Amino acid sequence: MSGISQVAAPNFVDIVAVIADIASIIGVLGLFAALATALVAYKDYRTTQKRASLENAVRLTRIYEQEILGYIFWIRNVFISSHMNDFIKEHLNIESLKTVRFTKSEMINISNKKDISFLFETEFSKIDLGIIHHRKNLFTTNELPRTTETEWSGEDSEIRKNYTLFEFRHEIYKLLNSLEWFAMNFTKNIADEDAVYQSLHQVFISCIQYLYYFISNINETAYGKFYTNIIELYNIWNKRLVEKAAAEVTKLLEIRHQAEEKTANLHKEIEHTGTKL
């Protein structure tokens, strides 16, 4: 009939193309849905990980305060209360170094003495055992073998003295082992080091500076070093400390400069108006 338009029946190829387009749209939507689900899951994972990292940091801080801090104060105060403090400040001062490698060769370069190990051991042997015992009683509960004045007068006094110093050295390396485990949690991202930096960095940095010799002396080379996590955390925190100190100095200089500018402008205004101070 002439008054009715006829629509051609779609061929097989057109049908396949339409189906393919629909499938493509469904596929894209499915892909977006999958990506959205994955993104939500990733955000949840990151939130969980962050919370776990903070919880681990809090837990480590508690362990640090209860089991490590007393030994840090004890050993550091023995050095401060004896001639070892002056010896370290004079020969093994690493405060100004941006990055410390903690190797024997570095120690020789810092001290400028090839026999620095011998010199350190000689000074270490002169530590007053009374200081060791007294300081330990102040900061920790465990006791070292005691050597009384009467015992010192006997033939074995030198043996007893050497044994006490050996035990003291043993306690130093026990502390370093504990600090290595502590530092590992932060360098391996098990705990959030940024969360504890403000409260722990000063004592930690100070302690490691006093114990620099004991780490460096056993690290003959830069390869296969001991206490690598202590070294890494020390450099991270010390770098941050130096940068914050520099930023603080810059800020103070800016404040001073602004104050000087205000003073200069005030004097100019006074001169211009003739106003007296």
Protein backbone atom coordinates (compact mmCIF):
# COMPACT_ATOMS: atom_id res chain seq x y z
CA MET A 1 0.00 0.00 0.00
CA SER A 2 1.31 3.39 -1.04
CA GLY A 3 0.25 5.29 2.16
CA ILE A 4 2.18 3.06 4.55
CA SER A 5 5.95 3.33 4.85
CA GLN A 6 7.76 0.08 5.25
CA VAL A 7 10.63 -0.39 7.71
CA ALA A 8 13.31 -2.74 6.58
CA ALA A 9 13.88 -5.65 8.92
CA PRO A 10 17.29 -5.42 10.65
CA ASN A 11 19.81 -7.84 9.33
CA PHE A 12 21.87 -10.22 11.45
CA VAL A 13 24.97 -8.03 11.41
CA ASP A 14 23.05 -5.04 12.83
CA ILE A 15 21.61 -7.17 15.64
CA VAL A 16 25.05 -8.44 16.56
CA ALA A 17 26.44 -4.89 16.58
CA VAL A 18 23.66 -3.66 18.91
CA ILE A 19 24.18 -6.60 21.26
CA ALA A 20 27.92 -5.92 21.24
CA ASP A 21 27.33 -2.25 22.10
CA ILE A 22 25.02 -3.21 24.98
CA ALA A 23 27.54 -5.76 26.24
CA SER A 24 30.29 -3.17 25.98
CA ILE A 25 28.27 -0.65 28.01
CA ILE A 26 27.47 -3.29 30.63
CA GLY A 27 31.14 -4.28 30.69
CA VAL A 28 32.29 -0.70 31.22
CA LEU A 29 29.72 -0.17 33.97
CA GLY A 30 30.82 -3.42 35.55
CA LEU A 31 34.43 -2.33 35.34
CA PHE A 32 33.62 1.00 37.00
CA ALA A 33 31.68 -0.83 39.70
CA ALA A 34 34.61 -3.19 40.27
CA LEU A 35 37.04 -0.26 40.42
CA ALA A 36 34.79 1.59 42.88
CA THR A 37 34.58 -1.51 45.08
CA ALA A 38 38.34 -1.97 44.90
CA LEU A 39 38.90 1.69 45.81
CA VAL A 40 36.62 1.45 48.83
CA ALA A 41 38.36 -1.77 49.89
CA TYR A 42 41.77 -0.11 49.48
CA LYS A 43 40.72 2.92 51.55
CA ASP A 44 39.42 0.59 54.26
CA TYR A 45 42.70 -1.33 54.13
CA ARG A 46 44.75 1.86 54.40
CA THR A 47 42.63 3.07 57.31
CA THR A 48 43.05 -0.27 59.07
CA GLN A 49 46.79 -0.25 58.41
CA LYS A 50 47.13 3.32 59.68
CA ARG A 51 45.22 2.48 62.83
CA ALA A 52 47.34 -0.64 63.38
CA SER A 53 50.51 1.39 62.78
CA LEU A 54 49.47 3.97 65.37
CA GLU A 55 48.48 1.27 67.85
CA ASN A 56 51.87 -0.39 67.38
CA ALA A 57 53.58 2.96 67.95
CA VAL A 58 51.68 3.43 71.22
CA ARG A 59 52.54 -0.11 72.31
CA LEU A 60 56.22 0.39 71.49
CA THR A 61 56.27 3.68 73.38
CA ARG A 62 54.98 1.88 76.45
CA ILE A 63 57.64 -0.84 76.10
CA TYR A 64 60.28 1.83 75.54
CA GLU A 65 59.31 3.65 78.73
CA GLN A 66 58.95 0.53 80.88
CA GLU A 67 61.80 -1.68 79.66
CA ILE A 68 64.35 0.46 77.79
CA LEU A 69 64.34 4.03 79.07
CA GLY A 70 65.79 3.16 82.49
CA TYR A 71 68.81 1.48 80.90
CA ILE A 72 69.33 4.42 78.54
CA PHE A 73 69.40 6.86 81.46
CA TRP A 74 71.65 4.56 83.49
CA ILE A 75 74.32 4.05 80.82
CA ARG A 76 74.18 7.64 79.60
CA ASN A 77 74.53 8.98 83.15
CA VAL A 78 77.53 6.74 83.83
CA PHE A 79 79.21 8.36 80.84
CA ILE A 80 78.11 11.86 81.85
CA SER A 81 79.26 11.35 85.46
CA SER A 82 82.68 10.06 84.43
CA HIS A 83 85.52 11.29 82.23
CA MET A 84 83.98 9.29 79.32
CA ASN A 85 81.66 12.21 78.57
CA ASP A 86 84.59 14.57 77.91
CA PHE A 87 86.42 11.92 75.92
CA ILE A 88 83.41 11.32 73.63
CA LYS A 89 82.75 15.03 73.15
CA GLU A 90 86.39 15.62 72.26
CA HIS A 91 87.10 12.62 70.03
CA LEU A 92 83.78 11.11 68.88
CA ASN A 93 81.41 14.05 68.54
CA ILE A 94 78.92 13.21 65.77
CA GLU A 95 76.32 15.89 66.53
CA SER A 96 77.32 18.03 63.56
CA LEU A 97 77.21 15.18 61.00
CA LYS A 98 74.13 15.15 58.76
CA THR A 99 74.50 11.44 58.00
CA VAL A 100 76.43 9.02 60.18
CA ARG A 101 77.62 5.69 58.74
CA PHE A 102 78.71 4.15 62.07
CA THR A 103 81.79 2.38 60.70
CA LYS A 104 85.26 1.96 62.10
CA SER A 105 86.83 3.95 59.26
CA GLU A 106 84.41 6.82 59.89
CA MET A 107 85.26 6.73 63.60
CA ILE A 108 88.97 7.02 62.79
CA ASN A 109 88.29 9.95 60.47
CA ILE A 110 86.13 11.76 63.04
CA SER A 111 88.68 11.36 65.81
CA ASN A 112 91.67 11.81 63.50
CA LYS A 113 93.37 9.04 65.48
CA LYS A 114 94.22 5.61 64.12
CA ASP A 115 94.45 4.21 67.64
CA ILE A 116 91.05 5.56 68.73
CA SER A 117 89.84 2.07 69.74
CA PHE A 118 92.81 1.61 72.07
CA LEU A 119 92.35 5.10 73.53
CA PHE A 120 88.64 4.53 74.12
CA GLU A 121 89.20 1.15 75.80
CA THR A 122 91.88 2.68 78.02
CA GLU A 123 89.49 5.40 79.19
CA PHE A 124 86.64 2.93 79.55
CA SER A 125 88.75 0.80 81.90
CA LYS A 126 89.14 3.81 84.21
CA ILE A 127 85.41 4.24 84.89
CA ASP A 128 84.71 4.32 88.61
CA LEU A 129 82.77 1.16 89.43
CA GLY A 130 80.98 3.04 92.20
CA ILE A 131 79.40 5.28 89.55
CA ILE A 132 78.25 2.23 87.60
CA HIS A 133 76.54 0.68 90.63
CA HIS A 134 75.12 3.92 91.97
CA ARG A 135 73.61 5.02 88.67
CA LYS A 136 72.17 1.58 88.01
CA ASN A 137 70.41 1.61 91.36
CA LEU A 138 68.85 4.96 90.44
CA PHE A 139 67.44 3.92 87.07
CA THR A 140 67.03 0.12 86.98
CA THR A 141 66.12 -2.76 89.27
CA ASN A 142 68.71 -5.36 88.19
CA GLU A 143 72.07 -5.33 89.92
CA LEU A 144 75.59 -5.91 88.63
CA PRO A 145 78.13 -7.96 90.62
CA ARG A 146 79.30 -5.73 93.46
CA THR A 147 82.94 -5.08 94.34
CA THR A 148 83.47 -3.68 97.84
CA GLU A 149 86.52 -1.83 99.06
CA THR A 150 87.60 -4.93 101.04
CA GLU A 151 87.36 -7.11 97.96
CA TRP A 152 89.38 -4.58 96.00
CA SER A 153 92.30 -4.93 98.40
CA GLY A 154 92.73 -8.64 97.60
CA GLU A 155 94.87 -10.21 94.93
CA ASP A 156 91.87 -10.73 92.67
CA SER A 157 90.78 -7.07 92.72
CA GLU A 158 91.80 -6.52 89.10
CA ILE A 159 89.87 -9.60 88.00
CA ARG A 160 86.77 -8.40 89.83
CA LYS A 161 87.11 -4.94 88.33
CA ASN A 162 87.50 -6.31 84.81
CA TYR A 163 84.54 -8.61 85.33
CA THR A 164 82.32 -5.72 86.42
CA LEU A 165 83.39 -3.65 83.41
CA PHE A 166 82.75 -6.68 81.19
CA GLU A 167 79.24 -6.96 82.64
CA PHE A 168 78.69 -3.25 82.10
CA ARG A 169 79.75 -3.60 78.46
CA HIS A 170 77.45 -6.60 78.15
CA GLU A 171 74.56 -4.44 79.43
CA ILE A 172 75.41 -1.82 76.80
CA TYR A 173 75.09 -4.36 74.00
CA LYS A 174 71.88 -5.71 75.51
CA LEU A 175 70.52 -2.18 75.35
CA LEU A 176 71.66 -1.83 71.74
CA ASN A 177 69.93 -5.11 70.86
CA SER A 178 66.71 -3.83 72.43
CA LEU A 179 67.03 -0.54 70.57
CA GLU A 180 67.67 -2.39 67.30
CA TRP A 181 64.41 -4.30 67.73
CA PHE A 182 62.65 -1.07 68.71
CA ALA A 183 64.01 0.80 65.67
CA MET A 184 63.18 -2.06 63.29
CA ASN A 185 59.47 -1.58 63.95
CA PHE A 186 59.72 1.95 62.59
CA THR A 187 62.17 1.46 59.73
CA LYS A 188 60.09 -1.47 58.41
CA ASN A 189 56.83 0.54 58.69
CA ILE A 190 55.31 -1.77 61.29
CA ALA A 191 54.70 1.26 63.49
CA ASP A 192 54.32 4.97 62.71
CA GLU A 193 57.64 6.61 63.61
CA ASP A 194 56.24 10.09 63.04
CA ALA A 195 53.72 9.49 65.83
CA VAL A 196 56.44 8.96 68.46
CA TYR A 197 59.15 11.27 67.13
CA GLN A 198 58.27 14.28 69.24
CA SER A 199 58.32 12.43 72.56
CA LEU A 200 61.19 9.96 71.96
CA HIS A 201 63.71 11.44 69.52
CA GLN A 202 65.81 13.53 71.90
CA VAL A 203 66.68 10.75 74.34
CA PHE A 204 67.16 8.24 71.53
CA ILE A 205 69.52 10.51 69.56
CA SER A 206 71.50 11.44 72.68
CA CYS A 207 71.84 7.79 73.71
CA ILE A 208 73.11 6.68 70.29
CA GLN A 209 75.64 9.51 70.25
CA TYR A 210 77.07 8.22 73.52
CA LEU A 211 77.11 4.65 72.19
CA TYR A 212 78.59 5.57 68.81
CA TYR A 213 81.85 3.77 69.59
CA PHE A 214 80.18 0.47 70.48
CA ILE A 215 78.33 0.37 67.16
CA SER A 216 81.11 1.66 64.92
CA ASN A 217 83.90 -0.40 66.43
CA ILE A 218 82.27 -3.67 65.36
CA ASN A 219 81.37 -2.40 61.87
CA GLU A 220 84.65 -2.99 60.09
CA THR A 221 83.14 -2.14 56.70
CA ALA A 222 80.03 -0.50 55.27
CA TYR A 223 78.80 -3.95 54.18
CA GLY A 224 77.23 -6.47 56.54
CA LYS A 225 76.89 -3.89 59.28
CA PHE A 226 75.40 -4.48 62.71
CA TYR A 227 72.56 -2.37 64.11
CA THR A 228 71.40 -1.15 60.71
CA ASN A 229 67.93 -0.23 61.98
CA ILE A 230 69.36 1.90 64.79
CA ILE A 231 71.57 3.62 62.23
CA GLU A 232 68.67 4.26 59.86
CA LEU A 233 66.31 5.57 62.53
CA TYR A 234 69.05 7.74 64.06
CA ASN A 235 69.73 9.39 60.70
CA ILE A 236 66.02 9.89 59.99
CA TRP A 237 65.35 11.51 63.35
CA ASN A 238 68.60 13.46 63.53
CA LYS A 239 68.05 14.88 60.03
CA ARG A 240 64.54 15.93 61.02
CA LEU A 241 65.86 17.50 64.22
CA VAL A 242 68.52 19.47 62.33
CA GLU A 243 66.00 20.63 59.72
CA LYS A 244 63.50 21.74 62.37
CA ALA A 245 66.23 23.55 64.27
CA ALA A 246 67.32 25.33 61.07
CA ALA A 247 63.70 26.22 60.29
CA GLU A 248 63.29 27.61 63.80
CA VAL A 249 66.42 29.74 63.41
CA THR A 250 65.13 31.04 60.05
CA LYS A 251 61.78 31.86 61.64
CA LEU A 252 63.45 33.76 64.49
CA LEU A 253 65.60 35.70 62.03
CA GLU A 254 62.50 36.64 60.04
CA ILE A 255 60.77 37.85 63.21
CA ARG A 256 63.85 39.84 64.12
CA HIS A 257 64.03 41.33 60.62
CA GLN A 258 60.34 42.30 60.75
CA ALA A 259 60.84 43.90 64.16
CA GLU A 260 63.82 45.89 62.86
CA GLU A 261 61.81 47.03 59.84
CA LYS A 262 58.94 48.18 62.08
CA THR A 263 61.39 50.05 64.30
CA ALA A 264 63.03 51.69 61.30
CA ASN A 265 59.64 52.71 59.85
CA LEU A 266 58.59 54.11 63.23
CA HIS A 267 61.71 56.25 63.41
CA LYS A 268 61.10 57.51 59.86
CA GLU A 269 57.54 58.44 60.76
CA ILE A 270 58.70 60.23 63.88
CA GLU A 271 61.32 62.17 61.92
CA HIS A 272 58.73 63.08 59.29
CA THR A 273 56.09 64.31 61.75
CA GLY A 274 58.46 65.73 64.30
CA THR A 275 56.80 63.71 67.05
CA LYS A 276 58.93 63.03 70.09
CA LEU A 277 59.13 59.61 71.67
